[in-house]
Amino acid sequence: RALWLLLWECELKVLDLLSLETGDVDLAGRRVTGVSG
C-alpha cells in the first residue's frame, strides 16, 4: 500500500522505489532524499 501511494505521489519509478532504504526518506521533511546513490 505504501508503494502504491508513493507511485501515485512521486515522480520515481517502481524499481527506484523498491531500492529505497530507510535512510533515503526524511519523514520530518516529507520527502524522498535519495535513490541508488
Full PDB file with SEQRES, HELIX, SHEET, SSBOND, CRYST1, ORIGX, SCALE, CONECT and MASTER records, all heavy atoms in Angstrom:
SEQRES   1 A   37  ARG ALA LEU TRP LEU LEU LEU TRP GLU CYS GLU LEU LYS          
SEQRES   2 A   37  VAL LEU ASP LEU LEU SER LEU GLU THR GLY ASP VAL ASP          
SEQRES   3 A   37  LEU ALA GLY ARG ARG VAL THR GLY VAL SER GLY                  
HELIX    1 AA1 ALA A    2  GLU A    9  1                                   8    
HELIX    2 AA2 VAL A   14  LEU A   18  1                                   5    
HELIX    3 AA3 THR A   22  ASP A   24  5                                   3    
SHEET    1 AA1 2 VAL A  25  ASP A  26  0                                        
SHEET    2 AA1 2 ARG A  31  VAL A  32 -1                                        
CRYST1    1.000    1.000    1.000  90.00  90.00  90.00 P 1           1          
ORIGX1      1.000000  0.000000  0.000000        0.00000                         
ORIGX2      0.000000  1.000000  0.000000        0.00000                         
ORIGX3      0.000000  0.000000  1.000000        0.00000                         
SCALE1      1.000000  0.000000  0.000000        0.00000                         
SCALE2      0.000000  1.000000  0.000000        0.00000                         
SCALE3      0.000000  0.000000  1.000000        0.00000                         
ATOM      1  N   ARG A   1       0.835  -1.203   0.000  1.00  0.00           N  
ATOM      2  CA  ARG A   1       0.000   0.000   0.000  1.00  0.00           C  
ATOM      3  C   ARG A   1       0.867   1.250   0.000  1.00  0.00           C  
ATOM      4  O   ARG A   1       0.565   2.229  -0.691  1.00  0.00           O  
ATOM      5  CB  ARG A   1      -0.957  -0.017   1.193  1.00  0.00           C  
ATOM      6  CG  ARG A   1      -2.038  -1.078   1.021  1.00  0.00           C  
ATOM      7  CD  ARG A   1      -3.035  -1.086   2.152  1.00  0.00           C  
ATOM      8  NE  ARG A   1      -2.457  -1.720   3.328  1.00  0.00           N  
ATOM      9  CZ  ARG A   1      -2.679  -1.356   4.582  1.00  0.00           C  
ATOM     10  NH1 ARG A   1      -3.476  -0.345   4.857  1.00  0.00           N  
ATOM     11  NH2 ARG A   1      -2.120  -2.007   5.575  1.00  0.00           N  
ATOM     12  N   ALA A   2       1.978   1.223   0.739  1.00  0.00           N  
ATOM     13  CA  ALA A   2       2.899   2.362   0.742  1.00  0.00           C  
ATOM     14  C   ALA A   2       3.516   2.550  -0.645  1.00  0.00           C  
ATOM     15  O   ALA A   2       3.617   3.677  -1.140  1.00  0.00           O  
ATOM     16  CB  ALA A   2       3.989   2.155   1.793  1.00  0.00           C  
ATOM     17  N   LEU A   3       3.909   1.464  -1.278  1.00  0.00           N  
ATOM     18  CA  LEU A   3       4.463   1.545  -2.633  1.00  0.00           C  
ATOM     19  C   LEU A   3       3.455   2.168  -3.577  1.00  0.00           C  
ATOM     20  O   LEU A   3       3.781   3.056  -4.363  1.00  0.00           O  
ATOM     21  CB  LEU A   3       4.869   0.155  -3.131  1.00  0.00           C  
ATOM     22  CG  LEU A   3       5.296   0.090  -4.610  1.00  0.00           C  
ATOM     23  CD1 LEU A   3       6.552   0.901  -4.861  1.00  0.00           C  
ATOM     24  CD2 LEU A   3       5.474  -1.355  -5.035  1.00  0.00           C  
ATOM     25  N   TRP A   4       2.204   1.722  -3.517  1.00  0.00           N  
ATOM     26  CA  TRP A   4       1.178   2.254  -4.408  1.00  0.00           C  
ATOM     27  C   TRP A   4       0.996   3.757  -4.208  1.00  0.00           C  
ATOM     28  O   TRP A   4       0.875   4.507  -5.176  1.00  0.00           O  
ATOM     29  CB  TRP A   4      -0.144   1.526  -4.193  1.00  0.00           C  
ATOM     30  CG  TRP A   4      -0.098   0.071  -4.525  1.00  0.00           C  
ATOM     31  CD1 TRP A   4       0.831  -0.586  -5.298  1.00  0.00           C  
ATOM     32  CD2 TRP A   4      -1.007  -0.937  -4.097  1.00  0.00           C  
ATOM     33  NE1 TRP A   4       0.546  -1.922  -5.366  1.00  0.00           N  
ATOM     34  CE2 TRP A   4      -0.587  -2.170  -4.644  1.00  0.00           C  
ATOM     35  CE3 TRP A   4      -2.145  -0.920  -3.298  1.00  0.00           C  
ATOM     36  CZ2 TRP A   4      -1.268  -3.366  -4.426  1.00  0.00           C  
ATOM     37  CZ3 TRP A   4      -2.829  -2.108  -3.081  1.00  0.00           C  
ATOM     38  CH2 TRP A   4      -2.382  -3.316  -3.643  1.00  0.00           C  
ATOM     39  N   LEU A   5       0.998   4.200  -2.961  1.00  0.00           N  
ATOM     40  CA  LEU A   5       0.836   5.626  -2.698  1.00  0.00           C  
ATOM     41  C   LEU A   5       2.059   6.406  -3.170  1.00  0.00           C  
ATOM     42  O   LEU A   5       1.929   7.490  -3.741  1.00  0.00           O  
ATOM     43  CB  LEU A   5       0.564   5.883  -1.213  1.00  0.00           C  
ATOM     44  CG  LEU A   5       0.263   7.330  -0.831  1.00  0.00           C  
ATOM     45  CD1 LEU A   5      -0.916   7.895  -1.637  1.00  0.00           C  
ATOM     46  CD2 LEU A   5      -0.008   7.436   0.661  1.00  0.00           C  
ATOM     47  N   LEU A   6       3.247   5.866  -2.969  1.00  0.00           N  
ATOM     48  CA  LEU A   6       4.457   6.539  -3.448  1.00  0.00           C  
ATOM     49  C   LEU A   6       4.455   6.636  -4.970  1.00  0.00           C  
ATOM     50  O   LEU A   6       4.841   7.667  -5.535  1.00  0.00           O  
ATOM     51  CB  LEU A   6       5.712   5.803  -2.966  1.00  0.00           C  
ATOM     52  CG  LEU A   6       5.980   5.862  -1.470  1.00  0.00           C  
ATOM     53  CD1 LEU A   6       7.180   4.998  -1.109  1.00  0.00           C  
ATOM     54  CD2 LEU A   6       6.183   7.290  -1.000  1.00  0.00           C  
ATOM     55  N   LEU A   7       4.029   5.590  -5.637  1.00  0.00           N  
ATOM     56  CA  LEU A   7       3.936   5.634  -7.099  1.00  0.00           C  
ATOM     57  C   LEU A   7       2.948   6.710  -7.531  1.00  0.00           C  
ATOM     58  O   LEU A   7       3.170   7.416  -8.514  1.00  0.00           O  
ATOM     59  CB  LEU A   7       3.514   4.277  -7.663  1.00  0.00           C  
ATOM     60  CG  LEU A   7       4.599   3.211  -7.672  1.00  0.00           C  
ATOM     61  CD1 LEU A   7       3.996   1.841  -7.954  1.00  0.00           C  
ATOM     62  CD2 LEU A   7       5.673   3.552  -8.698  1.00  0.00           C  
ATOM     63  N   TRP A   8       1.848   6.834  -6.825  1.00  0.00           N  
ATOM     64  CA  TRP A   8       0.819   7.828  -7.126  1.00  0.00           C  
ATOM     65  C   TRP A   8       1.358   9.243  -6.936  1.00  0.00           C  
ATOM     66  O   TRP A   8       1.120  10.128  -7.751  1.00  0.00           O  
ATOM     67  CB  TRP A   8      -0.387   7.587  -6.224  1.00  0.00           C  
ATOM     68  CG  TRP A   8      -1.517   8.536  -6.426  1.00  0.00           C  
ATOM     69  CD1 TRP A   8      -1.692   9.744  -5.797  1.00  0.00           C  
ATOM     70  CD2 TRP A   8      -2.632   8.388  -7.303  1.00  0.00           C  
ATOM     71  NE1 TRP A   8      -2.854  10.328  -6.229  1.00  0.00           N  
ATOM     72  CE2 TRP A   8      -3.451   9.518  -7.156  1.00  0.00           C  
ATOM     73  CE3 TRP A   8      -3.024   7.387  -8.193  1.00  0.00           C  
ATOM     74  CZ2 TRP A   8      -4.636   9.693  -7.857  1.00  0.00           C  
ATOM     75  CZ3 TRP A   8      -4.206   7.558  -8.893  1.00  0.00           C  
ATOM     76  CH2 TRP A   8      -4.990   8.694  -8.727  1.00  0.00           C  
ATOM     77  N   GLU A   9       2.113   9.460  -5.842  1.00  0.00           N  
ATOM     78  CA  GLU A   9       2.521  10.815  -5.464  1.00  0.00           C  
ATOM     79  C   GLU A   9       3.847  11.278  -6.062  1.00  0.00           C  
ATOM     80  O   GLU A   9       4.007  12.461  -6.330  1.00  0.00           O  
ATOM     81  CB  GLU A   9       2.669  10.906  -3.944  1.00  0.00           C  
ATOM     82  CG  GLU A   9       1.379  10.822  -3.212  1.00  0.00           C  
ATOM     83  CD  GLU A   9       1.547  11.000  -1.714  1.00  0.00           C  
ATOM     84  OE1 GLU A   9       2.682  11.160  -1.224  1.00  0.00           O  
ATOM     85  OE2 GLU A   9       0.511  10.986  -1.032  1.00  0.00           O  
ATOM     86  N   CYS A  10       4.798  10.386  -6.188  1.00  0.00           N  
ATOM     87  CA  CYS A  10       6.158  10.772  -6.564  1.00  0.00           C  
ATOM     88  C   CYS A  10       6.406  10.609  -8.057  1.00  0.00           C  
ATOM     89  O   CYS A  10       5.653   9.962  -8.757  1.00  0.00           O  
ATOM     90  CB  CYS A  10       7.174   9.921  -5.807  1.00  0.00           C  
ATOM     91  SG  CYS A  10       7.111  10.110  -4.025  1.00  0.00           S  
ATOM     92  N   GLU A  11       7.504  11.163  -8.492  1.00  0.00           N  
ATOM     93  CA  GLU A  11       7.934  11.022  -9.884  1.00  0.00           C  
ATOM     94  C   GLU A  11       8.988   9.921 -10.007  1.00  0.00           C  
ATOM     95  O   GLU A  11       9.745   9.900 -10.966  1.00  0.00           O  
ATOM     96  CB  GLU A  11       8.512  12.346 -10.390  1.00  0.00           C  
ATOM     97  CG  GLU A  11       7.487  13.439 -10.548  1.00  0.00           C  
ATOM     98  CD  GLU A  11       6.494  13.150 -11.663  1.00  0.00           C  
ATOM     99  OE1 GLU A  11       6.857  12.512 -12.659  1.00  0.00           O  
ATOM    100  OE2 GLU A  11       5.331  13.563 -11.526  1.00  0.00           O  
ATOM    101  N   LEU A  12       9.020   9.013  -9.048  1.00  0.00           N  
ATOM    102  CA  LEU A  12      10.026   7.949  -9.044  1.00  0.00           C  
ATOM    103  C   LEU A  12       9.462   6.678  -9.655  1.00  0.00           C  
ATOM    104  O   LEU A  12       8.280   6.390  -9.540  1.00  0.00           O  
ATOM    105  CB  LEU A  12      10.500   7.692  -7.608  1.00  0.00           C  
ATOM    106  CG  LEU A  12      11.153   8.884  -6.930  1.00  0.00           C  
ATOM    107  CD1 LEU A  12      11.392   8.601  -5.459  1.00  0.00           C  
ATOM    108  CD2 LEU A  12      12.444   9.252  -7.630  1.00  0.00           C  
ATOM    109  N   LYS A  13      10.331   5.923 -10.290  1.00  0.00           N  
ATOM    110  CA  LYS A  13       9.944   4.678 -10.950  1.00  0.00           C  
ATOM    111  C   LYS A  13       9.841   3.543  -9.931  1.00  0.00           C  
ATOM    112  O   LYS A  13      10.405   3.609  -8.845  1.00  0.00           O  
ATOM    113  CB  LYS A  13      10.971   4.330 -12.015  1.00  0.00           C  
ATOM    114  CG  LYS A  13      11.038   5.368 -13.113  1.00  0.00           C  
ATOM    115  CD  LYS A  13      12.141   5.054 -14.085  1.00  0.00           C  
ATOM    116  CE  LYS A  13      12.218   6.154 -15.129  1.00  0.00           C  
ATOM    117  NZ  LYS A  13      13.362   5.999 -16.002  1.00  0.00           N  
ATOM    118  N   VAL A  14       9.144   2.496 -10.327  1.00  0.00           N  
ATOM    119  CA  VAL A  14       8.927   1.348  -9.443  1.00  0.00           C  
ATOM    120  C   VAL A  14      10.248   0.799  -8.921  1.00  0.00           C  
ATOM    121  O   VAL A  14      10.422   0.614  -7.713  1.00  0.00           O  
ATOM    122  CB  VAL A  14       8.153   0.216 -10.157  1.00  0.00           C  
ATOM    123  CG1 VAL A  14       7.978  -0.983  -9.236  1.00  0.00           C  
ATOM    124  CG2 VAL A  14       6.813   0.689 -10.667  1.00  0.00           C  
ATOM    125  N   LEU A  15      11.189   0.525  -9.817  1.00  0.00           N  
ATOM    126  CA  LEU A  15      12.456  -0.074  -9.378  1.00  0.00           C  
ATOM    127  C   LEU A  15      13.240   0.857  -8.464  1.00  0.00           C  
ATOM    128  O   LEU A  15      13.921   0.393  -7.548  1.00  0.00           O  
ATOM    129  CB  LEU A  15      13.293  -0.509 -10.584  1.00  0.00           C  
ATOM    130  CG  LEU A  15      12.706  -1.683 -11.358  1.00  0.00           C  
ATOM    131  CD1 LEU A  15      13.562  -2.001 -12.586  1.00  0.00           C  
ATOM    132  CD2 LEU A  15      12.555  -2.916 -10.477  1.00  0.00           C  
ATOM    133  N   ASP A  16      13.141   2.176  -8.688  1.00  0.00           N  
ATOM    134  CA  ASP A  16      13.796   3.122  -7.778  1.00  0.00           C  
ATOM    135  C   ASP A  16      13.167   3.039  -6.395  1.00  0.00           C  
ATOM    136  O   ASP A  16      13.865   3.006  -5.381  1.00  0.00           O  
ATOM    137  CB  ASP A  16      13.686   4.551  -8.307  1.00  0.00           C  
ATOM    138  CG  ASP A  16      14.604   4.821  -9.479  1.00  0.00           C  
ATOM    139  OD1 ASP A  16      15.595   4.083  -9.660  1.00  0.00           O  
ATOM    140  OD2 ASP A  16      14.332   5.783 -10.223  1.00  0.00           O  
ATOM    141  N   LEU A  17      11.857   2.979  -6.337  1.00  0.00           N  
ATOM    142  CA  LEU A  17      11.181   2.886  -5.036  1.00  0.00           C  
ATOM    143  C   LEU A  17      11.513   1.578  -4.333  1.00  0.00           C  
ATOM    144  O   LEU A  17      11.716   1.555  -3.113  1.00  0.00           O  
ATOM    145  CB  LEU A  17       9.670   3.045  -5.208  1.00  0.00           C  
ATOM    146  CG  LEU A  17       9.219   4.443  -5.626  1.00  0.00           C  
ATOM    147  CD1 LEU A  17       7.746   4.444  -6.012  1.00  0.00           C  
ATOM    148  CD2 LEU A  17       9.491   5.455  -4.524  1.00  0.00           C  
ATOM    149  N   LEU A  18      11.589   0.495  -5.091  1.00  0.00           N  
ATOM    150  CA  LEU A  18      11.909  -0.798  -4.477  1.00  0.00           C  
ATOM    151  C   LEU A  18      13.334  -0.837  -3.922  1.00  0.00           C  
ATOM    152  O   LEU A  18      13.617  -1.627  -3.027  1.00  0.00           O  
ATOM    153  CB  LEU A  18      11.715  -1.929  -5.493  1.00  0.00           C  
ATOM    154  CG  LEU A  18      10.272  -2.205  -5.904  1.00  0.00           C  
ATOM    155  CD1 LEU A  18      10.222  -3.295  -6.971  1.00  0.00           C  
ATOM    156  CD2 LEU A  18       9.410  -2.573  -4.712  1.00  0.00           C  
ATOM    157  N   SER A  19      14.204   0.021  -4.425  1.00  0.00           N  
ATOM    158  CA  SER A  19      15.591   0.031  -3.952  1.00  0.00           C  
ATOM    159  C   SER A  19      15.805   0.949  -2.747  1.00  0.00           C  
ATOM    160  O   SER A  19      16.901   0.992  -2.192  1.00  0.00           O  
ATOM    161  CB  SER A  19      16.533   0.460  -5.087  1.00  0.00           C  
ATOM    162  OG  SER A  19      16.397   1.846  -5.365  1.00  0.00           O  
ATOM    163  N   LEU A  20      14.783   1.675  -2.320  1.00  0.00           N  
ATOM    164  CA  LEU A  20      14.942   2.616  -1.212  1.00  0.00           C  
ATOM    165  C   LEU A  20      15.277   1.925   0.098  1.00  0.00           C  
ATOM    166  O   LEU A  20      14.738   0.872   0.422  1.00  0.00           O  
ATOM    167  CB  LEU A  20      13.673   3.441  -1.021  1.00  0.00           C  
ATOM    168  CG  LEU A  20      13.341   4.456  -2.098  1.00  0.00           C  
ATOM    169  CD1 LEU A  20      11.988   5.097  -1.809  1.00  0.00           C  
ATOM    170  CD2 LEU A  20      14.422   5.513  -2.211  1.00  0.00           C  
ATOM    171  N   GLU A  21      16.149   2.566   0.836  1.00  0.00           N  
ATOM    172  CA  GLU A  21      16.496   2.171   2.195  1.00  0.00           C  
ATOM    173  C   GLU A  21      15.819   3.151   3.156  1.00  0.00           C  
ATOM    174  O   GLU A  21      15.425   4.250   2.750  1.00  0.00           O  
ATOM    175  CB  GLU A  21      18.019   2.220   2.395  1.00  0.00           C  
ATOM    176  CG  GLU A  21      18.789   1.263   1.499  1.00  0.00           C  
ATOM    177  CD  GLU A  21      18.666  -0.187   1.944  1.00  0.00           C  
ATOM    178  OE1 GLU A  21      18.679  -0.426   3.168  1.00  0.00           O  
ATOM    179  OE2 GLU A  21      18.551  -1.057   1.071  1.00  0.00           O  
ATOM    180  N   THR A  22      15.710   2.776   4.424  1.00  0.00           N  
ATOM    181  CA  THR A  22      15.051   3.663   5.387  1.00  0.00           C  
ATOM    182  C   THR A  22      15.723   5.028   5.443  1.00  0.00           C  
ATOM    183  O   THR A  22      15.049   6.039   5.604  1.00  0.00           O  
ATOM    184  CB  THR A  22      15.017   3.041   6.799  1.00  0.00           C  
ATOM    185  OG1 THR A  22      16.347   2.744   7.207  1.00  0.00           O  
ATOM    186  CG2 THR A  22      14.164   1.797   6.835  1.00  0.00           C  
ATOM    187  N   GLY A  23      17.037   5.091   5.281  1.00  0.00           N  
ATOM    188  CA  GLY A  23      17.772   6.355   5.328  1.00  0.00           C  
ATOM    189  C   GLY A  23      17.568   7.241   4.119  1.00  0.00           C  
ATOM    190  O   GLY A  23      18.002   8.397   4.112  1.00  0.00           O  
ATOM    191  N   ASP A  24      16.904   6.738   3.082  1.00  0.00           N  
ATOM    192  CA  ASP A  24      16.651   7.526   1.865  1.00  0.00           C  
ATOM    193  C   ASP A  24      15.413   8.400   1.989  1.00  0.00           C  
ATOM    194  O   ASP A  24      15.071   9.138   1.069  1.00  0.00           O  
ATOM    195  CB  ASP A  24      16.464   6.603   0.649  1.00  0.00           C  
ATOM    196  CG  ASP A  24      17.724   5.845   0.295  1.00  0.00           C  
ATOM    197  OD1 ASP A  24      18.830   6.392   0.500  1.00  0.00           O  
ATOM    198  OD2 ASP A  24      17.604   4.709  -0.201  1.00  0.00           O  
ATOM    199  N   VAL A  25      14.728   8.307   3.135  1.00  0.00           N  
ATOM    200  CA  VAL A  25      13.488   9.053   3.336  1.00  0.00           C  
ATOM    201  C   VAL A  25      13.630   9.940   4.563  1.00  0.00           C  
ATOM    202  O   VAL A  25      14.096   9.508   5.615  1.00  0.00           O  
ATOM    203  CB  VAL A  25      12.299   8.084   3.516  1.00  0.00           C  
ATOM    204  CG1 VAL A  25      11.022   8.836   3.807  1.00  0.00           C  
ATOM    205  CG2 VAL A  25      12.134   7.212   2.284  1.00  0.00           C  
ATOM    206  N   ASP A  26      13.260  11.197   4.406  1.00  0.00           N  
ATOM    207  CA  ASP A  26      13.228  12.162   5.507  1.00  0.00           C  
ATOM    208  C   ASP A  26      11.760  12.383   5.851  1.00  0.00           C  
ATOM    209  O   ASP A  26      11.068  13.156   5.185  1.00  0.00           O  
ATOM    210  CB  ASP A  26      13.901  13.459   5.065  1.00  0.00           C  
ATOM    211  CG  ASP A  26      13.803  14.572   6.094  1.00  0.00           C  
ATOM    212  OD1 ASP A  26      13.304  14.330   7.222  1.00  0.00           O  
ATOM    213  OD2 ASP A  26      14.225  15.705   5.771  1.00  0.00           O  
ATOM    214  N   LEU A  27      11.279  11.646   6.860  1.00  0.00           N  
ATOM    215  CA  LEU A  27       9.860  11.748   7.221  1.00  0.00           C  
ATOM    216  C   LEU A  27       9.511  13.138   7.731  1.00  0.00           C  
ATOM    217  O   LEU A  27       8.463  13.676   7.391  1.00  0.00           O  
ATOM    218  CB  LEU A  27       9.491  10.678   8.241  1.00  0.00           C  
ATOM    219  CG  LEU A  27       9.576   9.228   7.754  1.00  0.00           C  
ATOM    220  CD1 LEU A  27       9.196   8.270   8.879  1.00  0.00           C  
ATOM    221  CD2 LEU A  27       8.709   8.999   6.534  1.00  0.00           C  
ATOM    222  N   ALA A  28      10.399  13.738   8.531  1.00  0.00           N  
ATOM    223  CA  ALA A  28      10.140  15.076   9.063  1.00  0.00           C  
ATOM    224  C   ALA A  28      10.087  16.103   7.932  1.00  0.00           C  
ATOM    225  O   ALA A  28       9.265  17.027   7.955  1.00  0.00           O  
ATOM    226  CB  ALA A  28      11.198  15.458  10.087  1.00  0.00           C  
ATOM    227  N   GLY A  29      10.948  15.948   6.944  1.00  0.00           N  
ATOM    228  CA  GLY A  29      10.967  16.850   5.797  1.00  0.00           C  
ATOM    229  C   GLY A  29       9.973  16.474   4.714  1.00  0.00           C  
ATOM    230  O   GLY A  29       9.859  17.169   3.708  1.00  0.00           O  
ATOM    231  N   ARG A  30       9.287  15.345   4.903  1.00  0.00           N  
ATOM    232  CA  ARG A  30       8.253  14.849   3.988  1.00  0.00           C  
ATOM    233  C   ARG A  30       8.752  14.691   2.552  1.00  0.00           C  
ATOM    234  O   ARG A  30       8.117  15.123   1.613  1.00  0.00           O  
ATOM    235  CB  ARG A  30       7.023  15.752   4.034  1.00  0.00           C  
ATOM    236  CG  ARG A  30       6.323  15.716   5.370  1.00  0.00           C  
ATOM    237  CD  ARG A  30       5.178  16.657   5.469  1.00  0.00           C  
ATOM    238  NE  ARG A  30       4.279  16.532   4.320  1.00  0.00           N  
ATOM    239  CZ  ARG A  30       3.048  16.975   4.299  1.00  0.00           C  
ATOM    240  NH1 ARG A  30       2.546  17.559   5.359  1.00  0.00           N  
ATOM    241  NH2 ARG A  30       2.290  16.854   3.232  1.00  0.00           N  
ATOM    242  N   ARG A  31       9.901  13.950   2.446  1.00  0.00           N  
ATOM    243  CA  ARG A  31      10.398  13.720   1.092  1.00  0.00           C  
ATOM    244  C   ARG A  31      11.361  12.544   1.016  1.00  0.00           C  
ATOM    245  O   ARG A  31      11.969  12.152   2.016  1.00  0.00           O  
ATOM    246  CB  ARG A  31      11.046  14.960   0.516  1.00  0.00           C  
ATOM    247  CG  ARG A  31      12.259  15.488   1.265  1.00  0.00           C  
ATOM    248  CD  ARG A  31      12.804  16.759   0.664  1.00  0.00           C  
ATOM    249  NE  ARG A  31      13.290  16.576  -0.675  1.00  0.00           N  
ATOM    250  CZ  ARG A  31      14.562  16.367  -0.991  1.00  0.00           C  
ATOM    251  NH1 ARG A  31      15.482  16.327  -0.057  1.00  0.00           N  
ATOM    252  NH2 ARG A  31      14.918  16.216  -2.244  1.00  0.00           N  
ATOM    253  N   VAL A  32      11.459  11.996  -0.179  1.00  0.00           N  
ATOM    254  CA  VAL A  32      12.487  11.005  -0.505  1.00  0.00           C  
ATOM    255  C   VAL A  32      13.710  11.825  -0.888  1.00  0.00           C  
ATOM    256  O   VAL A  32      13.634  12.691  -1.763  1.00  0.00           O  
ATOM    257  CB  VAL A  32      12.051  10.106  -1.685  1.00  0.00           C  
ATOM    258  CG1 VAL A  32      13.160   9.159  -2.080  1.00  0.00           C  
ATOM    259  CG2 VAL A  32      10.775   9.343  -1.343  1.00  0.00           C  
ATOM    260  N   THR A  33      14.826  11.582  -0.218  1.00  0.00           N  
ATOM    261  CA  THR A  33      16.011  12.408  -0.440  1.00  0.00           C  
ATOM    262  C   THR A  33      17.000  11.819  -1.431  1.00  0.00           C  
ATOM    263  O   THR A  33      17.748  12.552  -2.063  1.00  0.00           O  
ATOM    264  CB  THR A  33      16.741  12.662   0.892  1.00  0.00           C  
ATOM    265  OG1 THR A  33      17.083  11.400   1.470  1.00  0.00           O  
ATOM    266  CG2 THR A  33      15.861  13.458   1.846  1.00  0.00           C  
ATOM    267  N   GLY A  34      17.019  10.495  -1.542  1.00  0.00           N  
ATOM    268  CA  GLY A  34      17.974   9.874  -2.453  1.00  0.00           C  
ATOM    269  C   GLY A  34      17.522   8.500  -2.869  1.00  0.00           C  
ATOM    270  O   GLY A  34      16.699   7.873  -2.202  1.00  0.00           O  
ATOM    271  N   VAL A  35      18.040   8.056  -4.008  1.00  0.00           N  
ATOM    272  CA  VAL A  35      17.747   6.722  -4.509  1.00  0.00           C  
ATOM    273  C   VAL A  35      18.951   6.237  -5.304  1.00  0.00           C  
ATOM    274  O   VAL A  35      19.499   6.978  -6.121  1.00  0.00           O  
ATOM    275  CB  VAL A  35      16.452   6.686  -5.348  1.00  0.00           C  
ATOM    276  CG1 VAL A  35      16.539   7.535  -6.584  1.00  0.00           C  
ATOM    277  CG2 VAL A  35      16.058   5.272  -5.698  1.00  0.00           C  
ATOM    278  N   SER A  36      19.405   5.054  -4.989  1.00  0.00           N  
ATOM    279  CA  SER A  36      20.535   4.430  -5.693  1.00  0.00           C  
ATOM    280  C   SER A  36      21.746   5.358  -5.776  1.00  0.00           C  
ATOM    281  O   SER A  36      22.399   5.459  -6.805  1.00  0.00           O  
ATOM    282  CB  SER A  36      20.108   3.990  -7.093  1.00  0.00           C  
ATOM    283  OG  SER A  36      19.058   3.061  -7.022  1.00  0.00           O  
ATOM    284  N   GLY A  37      22.018   6.056  -4.684  1.00  0.00           N  
ATOM    285  CA  GLY A  37      23.210   6.898  -4.616  1.00  0.00           C  
ATOM    286  C   GLY A  37      23.089   8.263  -5.262  1.00  0.00           C  
ATOM    287  O   GLY A  37      24.045   9.013  -5.301  1.00  0.00           O  
TER     288      GLY A  37                                                      
MASTER        0    0    0    3    2    0    0    6  287    1    0    3          
END                                                                             
